[in-house]
């Protein structure tokens, strides 16, 4: 999804590495980074009897690559995990469609409020680009991955609580 007010700013939004998070939850992978990101919502059924040597040790790197857009799936990830992920995250389901539309509507209103207020405060048009990676995790979660890239839970995007961290990042980017 893209939000463009005019030619001076653009916010794009997309999947934030949800497949590695699905694999983490399905296989019970625990690393400091994996544990710092809330569990997916709805919960992922735990798979037993699946062994992927080296995946737990390489999970952090894989997830970071996904979150920065340069990912290659690790060798050895079983095909049935991809099929289970597709069933879990069916983008055509009524629930997925509803959440996607509601996030877009709510986040758009918050975004335009922030931009309008900052433009009035600064007395000029804002010039910036921001990539928002939307993830379906439990609770209101926000993490800045790069200067112009953030990871945000759907729950936070649906809340007015997104305004404070969004304003902070946009203010910095528009300098």
N, C-alpha and C. Protein backbone atom coordinates (compact mmCIF):
# COMPACT_ATOMS: atom_id res chain seq x y z
N UNK A 1 0.85 -1.15 0.00
CA UNK A 1 0.00 0.00 0.00
C UNK A 1 0.89 1.22 0.00
N UNK A 2 0.55 2.22 -0.75
CA UNK A 2 1.31 3.45 -0.82
C UNK A 2 0.42 4.62 -0.44
N UNK A 3 0.98 5.55 0.31
CA UNK A 3 0.29 6.77 0.68
C UNK A 3 1.10 7.91 0.11
N UNK A 4 0.54 8.66 -0.80
CA UNK A 4 1.25 9.78 -1.40
C UNK A 4 0.38 11.01 -1.33
N UNK A 5 0.81 12.01 -0.58
CA UNK A 5 0.08 13.27 -0.47
C UNK A 5 0.34 14.10 -1.73
N UNK A 6 1.56 14.25 -2.07
CA UNK A 6 1.96 14.94 -3.29
C UNK A 6 3.32 14.39 -3.67
N UNK A 7 4.05 15.09 -4.50
CA UNK A 7 5.33 14.55 -4.97
C UNK A 7 6.45 14.72 -3.95
N UNK A 8 6.16 15.28 -2.77
CA UNK A 8 7.24 15.53 -1.82
C UNK A 8 7.41 14.43 -0.78
N UNK A 9 6.40 13.58 -0.59
CA UNK A 9 6.57 12.50 0.38
C UNK A 9 5.84 11.24 -0.05
N UNK A 10 6.42 10.11 0.37
CA UNK A 10 5.85 8.80 0.04
C UNK A 10 6.05 7.87 1.24
N UNK A 11 5.00 7.16 1.57
CA UNK A 11 5.12 6.09 2.56
C UNK A 11 4.63 4.83 1.90
N UNK A 12 5.46 3.81 1.90
CA UNK A 12 5.06 2.52 1.36
C UNK A 12 4.95 1.54 2.51
N UNK A 13 4.09 0.57 2.33
CA UNK A 13 3.86 -0.41 3.38
C UNK A 13 3.80 -1.79 2.76
N UNK A 14 4.37 -2.76 3.45
CA UNK A 14 4.33 -4.12 2.93
C UNK A 14 4.61 -5.12 4.03
N UNK A 15 4.73 -6.38 3.62
CA UNK A 15 4.99 -7.49 4.52
C UNK A 15 6.35 -7.30 5.17
N UNK A 16 6.41 -7.51 6.44
CA UNK A 16 7.66 -7.31 7.18
C UNK A 16 8.37 -8.58 7.55
N UNK A 17 8.52 -9.51 6.64
CA UNK A 17 9.21 -10.75 6.97
C UNK A 17 8.36 -11.69 7.79
N UNK A 18 7.10 -11.81 7.43
CA UNK A 18 6.18 -12.64 8.20
C UNK A 18 6.51 -14.13 8.09
N UNK A 19 7.01 -14.60 6.96
CA UNK A 19 7.32 -16.03 6.84
C UNK A 19 8.38 -16.47 7.85
N UNK A 20 9.49 -15.75 8.02
CA UNK A 20 10.44 -16.16 9.06
C UNK A 20 9.81 -16.15 10.46
N UNK A 21 8.91 -15.21 10.73
CA UNK A 21 8.23 -15.19 12.02
C UNK A 21 7.32 -16.41 12.16
N UNK A 22 6.67 -16.79 11.05
CA UNK A 22 5.84 -18.01 11.06
C UNK A 22 6.71 -19.22 11.38
N UNK A 23 7.84 -19.34 10.72
CA UNK A 23 8.75 -20.47 10.95
C UNK A 23 9.23 -20.45 12.40
N UNK A 24 9.57 -19.27 12.91
CA UNK A 24 9.99 -19.15 14.32
C UNK A 24 8.92 -19.71 15.25
N UNK A 25 7.67 -19.28 15.04
CA UNK A 25 6.59 -19.72 15.91
C UNK A 25 6.26 -21.20 15.72
N UNK A 26 6.24 -21.65 14.48
CA UNK A 26 5.88 -23.05 14.19
C UNK A 26 6.92 -24.02 14.74
N UNK A 27 8.19 -23.63 14.70
CA UNK A 27 9.26 -24.52 15.15
C UNK A 27 9.74 -24.22 16.57
N UNK A 28 9.23 -23.14 17.16
CA UNK A 28 9.63 -22.80 18.52
C UNK A 28 11.06 -22.30 18.61
N UNK A 29 11.52 -21.59 17.60
CA UNK A 29 12.89 -21.06 17.59
C UNK A 29 12.98 -19.93 18.62
N UNK A 30 14.04 -19.98 19.40
CA UNK A 30 14.25 -18.98 20.44
C UNK A 30 15.68 -18.46 20.34
N UNK A 31 15.81 -17.18 20.02
CA UNK A 31 17.09 -16.48 20.03
C UNK A 31 16.78 -15.11 20.66
N UNK A 32 17.79 -14.37 21.06
CA UNK A 32 17.49 -13.04 21.61
C UNK A 32 16.66 -12.18 20.65
N UNK A 33 17.00 -12.18 19.37
CA UNK A 33 16.24 -11.37 18.42
C UNK A 33 14.84 -11.95 18.20
N UNK A 34 14.75 -13.27 18.02
CA UNK A 34 13.45 -13.90 17.80
C UNK A 34 12.52 -13.63 18.98
N UNK A 35 13.07 -13.67 20.18
CA UNK A 35 12.26 -13.45 21.37
C UNK A 35 11.89 -11.99 21.58
N UNK A 36 12.58 -11.07 20.89
CA UNK A 36 12.28 -9.64 21.06
C UNK A 36 11.10 -9.18 20.22
N UNK A 37 10.62 -10.05 19.35
CA UNK A 37 9.47 -9.72 18.48
C UNK A 37 8.29 -10.55 18.97
N UNK A 38 7.14 -9.89 19.20
CA UNK A 38 5.98 -10.65 19.70
C UNK A 38 5.58 -11.78 18.76
N UNK A 39 4.86 -12.74 19.30
CA UNK A 39 4.34 -13.87 18.53
C UNK A 39 3.31 -13.39 17.53
N UNK A 40 3.17 -14.15 16.45
CA UNK A 40 2.20 -13.81 15.42
C UNK A 40 0.76 -13.96 15.95
N UNK A 41 -0.11 -13.17 15.37
CA UNK A 41 -1.54 -13.24 15.69
C UNK A 41 -2.31 -13.32 14.37
N UNK A 42 -3.18 -14.30 14.21
CA UNK A 42 -3.53 -15.32 15.18
C UNK A 42 -2.35 -16.26 15.42
N UNK A 43 -2.37 -16.97 16.57
CA UNK A 43 -1.25 -17.86 16.91
C UNK A 43 -1.01 -18.92 15.84
N UNK A 44 0.24 -19.27 15.70
CA UNK A 44 0.67 -20.28 14.74
C UNK A 44 0.71 -21.63 15.46
N UNK A 45 0.09 -22.67 14.88
CA UNK A 45 0.18 -23.99 15.51
C UNK A 45 1.63 -24.48 15.53
N UNK A 46 2.05 -25.05 16.63
CA UNK A 46 3.40 -25.56 16.78
C UNK A 46 3.53 -26.87 16.03
N UNK A 47 4.55 -26.98 15.20
CA UNK A 47 4.81 -28.21 14.46
C UNK A 47 5.85 -29.02 15.22
N UNK A 48 5.61 -30.30 15.32
CA UNK A 48 6.57 -31.17 16.01
C UNK A 48 7.19 -32.13 14.99
N UNK A 49 8.34 -32.61 15.32
CA UNK A 49 9.00 -33.58 14.46
C UNK A 49 9.65 -32.98 13.23
N UNK A 50 9.81 -31.66 13.17
CA UNK A 50 10.45 -31.01 12.03
C UNK A 50 11.84 -30.56 12.47
N UNK A 51 12.83 -31.03 11.79
CA UNK A 51 14.22 -30.68 12.09
C UNK A 51 14.81 -29.95 10.88
N UNK A 52 15.34 -28.76 11.12
CA UNK A 52 16.05 -28.02 10.08
C UNK A 52 17.40 -27.63 10.68
N UNK A 53 18.43 -28.46 10.46
CA UNK A 53 19.74 -28.19 11.05
C UNK A 53 20.25 -26.79 10.70
N UNK A 54 20.69 -26.08 11.72
CA UNK A 54 21.28 -24.76 11.52
C UNK A 54 20.28 -23.62 11.42
N UNK A 55 18.99 -23.93 11.31
CA UNK A 55 18.01 -22.85 11.13
C UNK A 55 17.93 -21.95 12.36
N UNK A 56 17.91 -22.53 13.54
CA UNK A 56 17.82 -21.72 14.75
C UNK A 56 19.02 -20.76 14.85
N UNK A 57 20.23 -21.25 14.52
CA UNK A 57 21.41 -20.41 14.60
C UNK A 57 21.40 -19.33 13.52
N UNK A 58 20.81 -19.59 12.37
CA UNK A 58 20.79 -18.62 11.28
C UNK A 58 19.51 -17.81 11.19
N UNK A 59 18.58 -18.03 12.12
CA UNK A 59 17.28 -17.37 12.02
C UNK A 59 17.40 -15.86 12.09
N UNK A 60 18.20 -15.34 13.01
CA UNK A 60 18.33 -13.89 13.17
C UNK A 60 18.77 -13.24 11.86
N UNK A 61 19.79 -13.80 11.23
CA UNK A 61 20.29 -13.24 9.97
C UNK A 61 19.21 -13.30 8.88
N UNK A 62 18.51 -14.44 8.80
CA UNK A 62 17.45 -14.60 7.80
C UNK A 62 16.36 -13.56 8.01
N UNK A 63 15.92 -13.39 9.25
CA UNK A 63 14.86 -12.43 9.50
C UNK A 63 15.31 -11.01 9.18
N UNK A 64 16.52 -10.63 9.56
CA UNK A 64 17.03 -9.30 9.24
C UNK A 64 17.10 -9.08 7.74
N UNK A 65 17.52 -10.11 7.00
CA UNK A 65 17.55 -10.00 5.54
C UNK A 65 16.15 -9.79 5.00
N UNK A 66 15.16 -10.50 5.52
CA UNK A 66 13.77 -10.32 5.08
C UNK A 66 13.30 -8.90 5.39
N UNK A 67 13.62 -8.41 6.56
CA UNK A 67 13.17 -7.09 6.98
C UNK A 67 13.85 -5.97 6.21
N UNK A 68 15.01 -6.24 5.62
CA UNK A 68 15.67 -5.21 4.82
C UNK A 68 15.50 -5.44 3.32
N UNK A 69 14.75 -6.47 2.98
CA UNK A 69 14.41 -6.70 1.58
C UNK A 69 15.43 -7.44 0.77
N UNK A 70 16.38 -8.09 1.41
CA UNK A 70 17.43 -8.79 0.65
C UNK A 70 17.51 -10.27 1.02
N UNK A 71 16.36 -10.89 1.23
CA UNK A 71 16.34 -12.24 1.77
C UNK A 71 16.40 -13.34 0.71
N UNK A 72 17.06 -14.39 1.11
CA UNK A 72 17.02 -15.66 0.39
C UNK A 72 16.65 -16.69 1.42
N UNK A 73 15.64 -17.50 1.14
CA UNK A 73 15.19 -18.50 2.10
C UNK A 73 16.32 -19.48 2.37
N UNK A 74 16.55 -19.81 3.64
CA UNK A 74 17.62 -20.76 3.96
C UNK A 74 17.37 -22.12 3.31
N UNK A 75 18.44 -22.74 2.94
CA UNK A 75 18.36 -24.08 2.38
C UNK A 75 17.86 -25.02 3.46
N UNK A 76 16.95 -25.90 3.10
CA UNK A 76 16.48 -26.90 4.03
C UNK A 76 15.14 -26.60 4.69
N UNK A 77 14.58 -25.40 4.45
CA UNK A 77 13.26 -25.12 5.02
C UNK A 77 12.26 -26.02 4.30
N UNK A 78 11.58 -26.88 5.05
CA UNK A 78 10.68 -27.85 4.41
C UNK A 78 9.53 -27.17 3.64
N UNK A 79 9.20 -27.73 2.48
CA UNK A 79 8.13 -27.18 1.66
C UNK A 79 6.80 -27.12 2.40
N UNK A 80 6.55 -28.09 3.29
CA UNK A 80 5.26 -28.08 3.98
C UNK A 80 5.13 -26.89 4.93
N UNK A 81 6.25 -26.25 5.32
CA UNK A 81 6.16 -25.02 6.11
C UNK A 81 5.62 -23.88 5.27
N UNK A 82 6.03 -23.82 4.01
CA UNK A 82 5.52 -22.78 3.11
C UNK A 82 4.03 -22.99 2.88
N UNK A 83 3.60 -24.24 2.70
CA UNK A 83 2.18 -24.53 2.50
C UNK A 83 1.38 -24.20 3.76
N UNK A 84 1.91 -24.52 4.93
CA UNK A 84 1.23 -24.19 6.19
C UNK A 84 1.13 -22.68 6.37
N UNK A 85 2.17 -21.97 5.99
CA UNK A 85 2.16 -20.50 6.07
C UNK A 85 1.08 -19.92 5.15
N UNK A 86 0.99 -20.45 3.95
CA UNK A 86 -0.02 -19.97 3.00
C UNK A 86 -1.43 -20.18 3.54
N UNK A 87 -1.67 -21.33 4.15
CA UNK A 87 -2.99 -21.57 4.76
C UNK A 87 -3.24 -20.62 5.93
N UNK A 88 -2.21 -20.37 6.75
CA UNK A 88 -2.33 -19.51 7.92
C UNK A 88 -2.58 -18.06 7.52
N UNK A 89 -1.94 -17.61 6.46
CA UNK A 89 -1.98 -16.18 6.10
C UNK A 89 -2.76 -15.88 4.84
N UNK A 90 -3.71 -16.70 4.47
CA UNK A 90 -4.46 -16.54 3.23
C UNK A 90 -4.90 -15.09 3.03
N UNK A 91 -4.29 -14.36 2.07
CA UNK A 91 -4.62 -12.95 1.87
C UNK A 91 -6.02 -12.72 1.31
N UNK A 92 -6.67 -13.79 0.84
CA UNK A 92 -8.02 -13.64 0.27
C UNK A 92 -9.12 -13.88 1.30
N UNK A 93 -8.74 -14.28 2.50
CA UNK A 93 -9.76 -14.55 3.51
C UNK A 93 -10.48 -13.26 3.88
N UNK A 94 -11.71 -13.40 4.33
CA UNK A 94 -12.49 -12.22 4.73
C UNK A 94 -11.79 -11.47 5.86
N UNK A 95 -11.22 -12.19 6.82
CA UNK A 95 -10.53 -11.54 7.93
C UNK A 95 -9.31 -10.76 7.44
N UNK A 96 -8.52 -11.34 6.55
CA UNK A 96 -7.34 -10.65 6.02
C UNK A 96 -7.74 -9.40 5.25
N UNK A 97 -8.77 -9.52 4.43
CA UNK A 97 -9.24 -8.38 3.65
C UNK A 97 -9.74 -7.27 4.55
N UNK A 98 -10.52 -7.63 5.57
CA UNK A 98 -11.05 -6.64 6.51
C UNK A 98 -9.91 -5.93 7.23
N UNK A 99 -8.97 -6.70 7.77
CA UNK A 99 -7.85 -6.09 8.51
C UNK A 99 -7.04 -5.19 7.60
N UNK A 100 -6.73 -5.65 6.39
CA UNK A 100 -5.95 -4.85 5.44
C UNK A 100 -6.64 -3.52 5.15
N UNK A 101 -7.95 -3.57 4.89
CA UNK A 101 -8.70 -2.34 4.59
C UNK A 101 -8.78 -1.42 5.80
N UNK A 102 -9.00 -2.00 6.97
CA UNK A 102 -9.11 -1.20 8.20
C UNK A 102 -7.76 -0.56 8.55
N UNK A 103 -6.68 -1.31 8.41
CA UNK A 103 -5.35 -0.75 8.66
C UNK A 103 -5.08 0.40 7.70
N UNK A 104 -5.38 0.21 6.46
CA UNK A 104 -5.14 1.27 5.46
C UNK A 104 -5.93 2.53 5.82
N UNK A 105 -7.20 2.38 6.14
CA UNK A 105 -8.04 3.53 6.45
C UNK A 105 -7.56 4.25 7.71
N UNK A 106 -7.34 3.50 8.76
CA UNK A 106 -6.95 4.09 10.05
C UNK A 106 -5.56 4.70 9.98
N UNK A 107 -4.60 3.97 9.41
CA UNK A 107 -3.25 4.48 9.32
C UNK A 107 -3.18 5.70 8.42
N UNK A 108 -3.93 5.70 7.34
CA UNK A 108 -3.97 6.85 6.44
C UNK A 108 -4.41 8.11 7.19
N UNK A 109 -5.44 7.99 8.01
CA UNK A 109 -5.93 9.15 8.77
C UNK A 109 -4.86 9.64 9.75
N UNK A 110 -4.20 8.73 10.45
CA UNK A 110 -3.14 9.12 11.39
C UNK A 110 -1.97 9.75 10.66
N UNK A 111 -1.58 9.16 9.55
CA UNK A 111 -0.47 9.66 8.76
C UNK A 111 -0.73 11.09 8.28
N UNK A 112 -1.91 11.32 7.72
CA UNK A 112 -2.23 12.65 7.22
C UNK A 112 -2.30 13.67 8.35
N UNK A 113 -2.76 13.26 9.51
CA UNK A 113 -2.78 14.15 10.67
C UNK A 113 -1.36 14.56 11.06
N UNK A 114 -0.45 13.60 11.13
CA UNK A 114 0.94 13.88 11.48
C UNK A 114 1.59 14.81 10.47
N UNK A 115 1.43 14.50 9.19
CA UNK A 115 2.06 15.31 8.15
C UNK A 115 1.51 16.74 8.17
N UNK A 116 0.20 16.88 8.29
CA UNK A 116 -0.41 18.22 8.31
C UNK A 116 0.11 19.03 9.49
N UNK A 117 0.14 18.42 10.68
CA UNK A 117 0.61 19.13 11.86
C UNK A 117 2.08 19.52 11.74
N UNK A 118 2.92 18.63 11.23
CA UNK A 118 4.34 18.95 11.06
C UNK A 118 4.55 20.04 10.02
N UNK A 119 3.79 20.00 8.93
CA UNK A 119 3.92 21.05 7.91
C UNK A 119 3.52 22.41 8.48
N UNK A 120 2.46 22.43 9.28
CA UNK A 120 2.05 23.70 9.90
C UNK A 120 3.11 24.17 10.88
N UNK A 121 3.65 23.27 11.69
CA UNK A 121 4.67 23.63 12.67
C UNK A 121 5.95 24.13 12.00
N UNK A 122 6.39 23.43 10.96
CA UNK A 122 7.65 23.77 10.30
C UNK A 122 7.50 24.85 9.23
N UNK A 123 6.25 25.10 8.81
CA UNK A 123 5.99 26.15 7.81
C UNK A 123 6.50 25.81 6.42
N UNK A 124 6.53 24.53 6.09
CA UNK A 124 6.99 24.13 4.75
C UNK A 124 6.46 22.74 4.42
N UNK A 125 6.55 22.39 3.14
CA UNK A 125 6.21 21.04 2.69
C UNK A 125 7.26 20.07 3.21
N UNK A 126 6.83 18.90 3.59
CA UNK A 126 7.77 17.88 4.03
C UNK A 126 8.26 17.08 2.84
N UNK A 127 9.53 16.73 2.86
CA UNK A 127 10.12 15.89 1.82
C UNK A 127 10.73 14.68 2.52
N UNK A 128 10.16 13.52 2.28
CA UNK A 128 10.69 12.31 2.90
C UNK A 128 10.10 11.09 2.22
N UNK A 129 10.73 9.94 2.51
CA UNK A 129 10.25 8.64 2.07
C UNK A 129 10.41 7.70 3.26
N UNK A 130 9.38 6.90 3.54
CA UNK A 130 9.40 5.98 4.67
C UNK A 130 8.78 4.66 4.25
N UNK A 131 9.42 3.58 4.63
CA UNK A 131 8.92 2.24 4.35
C UNK A 131 8.41 1.64 5.67
N UNK A 132 7.12 1.33 5.72
CA UNK A 132 6.49 0.77 6.91
C UNK A 132 6.23 -0.71 6.66
N UNK A 133 6.88 -1.57 7.42
CA UNK A 133 6.68 -3.01 7.29
C UNK A 133 5.65 -3.44 8.33
N UNK A 134 4.54 -3.90 7.84
CA UNK A 134 3.39 -4.26 8.66
C UNK A 134 3.46 -5.74 9.01
N UNK A 135 3.37 -6.05 10.32
CA UNK A 135 3.40 -7.45 10.73
C UNK A 135 2.23 -7.75 11.66
N UNK A 136 1.64 -8.93 11.50
CA UNK A 136 0.50 -9.32 12.34
C UNK A 136 0.95 -10.01 13.63
N UNK A 137 1.46 -9.22 14.57
CA UNK A 137 1.92 -9.79 15.84
C UNK A 137 1.03 -9.31 16.98
N UNK A 138 1.17 -9.98 18.10
CA UNK A 138 0.38 -9.64 19.29
C UNK A 138 0.81 -8.27 19.83
N UNK A 139 -0.16 -7.44 20.15
CA UNK A 139 0.11 -6.18 20.82
C UNK A 139 0.55 -5.06 19.90
N UNK A 140 0.86 -3.94 20.52
CA UNK A 140 1.30 -2.75 19.80
C UNK A 140 2.82 -2.73 19.81
N UNK A 141 3.40 -2.95 18.64
CA UNK A 141 4.84 -3.14 18.51
C UNK A 141 5.39 -2.21 17.45
N UNK A 142 6.54 -1.60 17.73
CA UNK A 142 7.21 -0.69 16.79
C UNK A 142 8.70 -0.90 16.94
N UNK A 143 9.40 -1.02 15.82
CA UNK A 143 10.86 -1.10 15.85
C UNK A 143 11.39 -0.40 14.61
N UNK A 144 12.37 0.44 14.81
CA UNK A 144 13.02 1.10 13.69
C UNK A 144 14.14 0.20 13.21
N UNK A 145 14.09 -0.18 11.94
CA UNK A 145 15.08 -1.09 11.37
C UNK A 145 16.21 -0.35 10.69
N UNK A 146 15.88 0.73 10.03
CA UNK A 146 16.85 1.58 9.34
C UNK A 146 16.33 3.01 9.47
N UNK A 147 17.10 3.94 9.01
CA UNK A 147 16.68 5.35 9.12
C UNK A 147 15.30 5.56 8.53
N UNK A 148 15.01 4.91 7.39
CA UNK A 148 13.75 5.15 6.69
C UNK A 148 12.88 3.89 6.59
N UNK A 149 13.07 2.96 7.54
CA UNK A 149 12.30 1.71 7.53
C UNK A 149 11.93 1.34 8.96
N UNK A 150 10.62 1.09 9.17
CA UNK A 150 10.14 0.71 10.49
C UNK A 150 9.30 -0.56 10.39
N UNK A 151 9.28 -1.30 11.47
CA UNK A 151 8.49 -2.51 11.60
C UNK A 151 7.37 -2.18 12.59
N UNK A 152 6.11 -2.40 12.17
CA UNK A 152 4.98 -1.98 12.99
C UNK A 152 3.91 -3.07 12.99
N UNK A 153 3.37 -3.34 14.18
CA UNK A 153 2.29 -4.33 14.27
C UNK A 153 1.01 -3.74 13.71
N UNK A 154 0.16 -4.63 13.18
CA UNK A 154 -1.14 -4.19 12.68
C UNK A 154 -1.94 -3.53 13.79
N UNK A 155 -1.83 -4.07 15.01
CA UNK A 155 -2.58 -3.49 16.13
C UNK A 155 -2.17 -2.04 16.38
N UNK A 156 -0.88 -1.73 16.28
CA UNK A 156 -0.44 -0.35 16.46
C UNK A 156 -0.89 0.52 15.30
N UNK A 157 -0.83 0.00 14.07
CA UNK A 157 -1.29 0.77 12.92
C UNK A 157 -2.78 1.12 13.02
N UNK A 158 -3.53 0.29 13.74
CA UNK A 158 -4.96 0.54 13.93
C UNK A 158 -5.25 1.48 15.09
N UNK A 159 -4.21 1.90 15.79
CA UNK A 159 -4.37 2.70 17.00
C UNK A 159 -3.83 4.12 16.80
N UNK A 160 -4.38 5.05 17.55
CA UNK A 160 -3.83 6.41 17.54
C UNK A 160 -2.47 6.46 18.23
N UNK A 161 -2.09 5.40 18.92
CA UNK A 161 -0.77 5.34 19.56
C UNK A 161 0.36 5.35 18.54
N UNK A 162 0.05 5.10 17.27
CA UNK A 162 1.07 5.11 16.23
C UNK A 162 1.55 6.54 15.95
N UNK A 163 0.78 7.54 16.35
CA UNK A 163 1.10 8.93 16.00
C UNK A 163 2.45 9.36 16.59
N UNK A 164 2.73 9.07 17.85
CA UNK A 164 3.98 9.54 18.47
C UNK A 164 5.23 8.97 17.78
N UNK A 165 5.36 7.65 17.62
CA UNK A 165 6.57 7.17 16.95
C UNK A 165 6.63 7.58 15.48
N UNK A 166 5.48 7.64 14.82
CA UNK A 166 5.44 8.05 13.42
C UNK A 166 5.89 9.50 13.28
N UNK A 167 5.40 10.36 14.15
CA UNK A 167 5.78 11.78 14.12
C UNK A 167 7.28 11.94 14.34
N UNK A 168 7.84 11.17 15.26
CA UNK A 168 9.26 11.25 15.56
C UNK A 168 10.11 10.88 14.34
N UNK A 169 9.75 9.80 13.68
CA UNK A 169 10.52 9.35 12.50
C UNK A 169 10.34 10.34 11.34
N UNK A 170 9.13 10.76 11.07
CA UNK A 170 8.90 11.68 9.96
C UNK A 170 9.62 13.01 10.22
N UNK A 171 9.56 13.47 11.44
CA UNK A 171 10.26 14.73 11.78
C UNK A 171 11.75 14.61 11.44
N UNK A 172 12.36 13.49 11.81
CA UNK A 172 13.78 13.29 11.52
C UNK A 172 14.04 13.18 10.02
N UNK A 173 13.20 12.42 9.32
CA UNK A 173 13.39 12.24 7.88
C UNK A 173 13.19 13.53 7.10
N UNK A 174 12.33 14.40 7.59
CA UNK A 174 12.00 15.64 6.86
C UNK A 174 13.00 16.77 7.11
N UNK A 175 14.01 16.53 7.93
CA UNK A 175 15.01 17.57 8.20
C UNK A 175 15.87 17.86 7.01
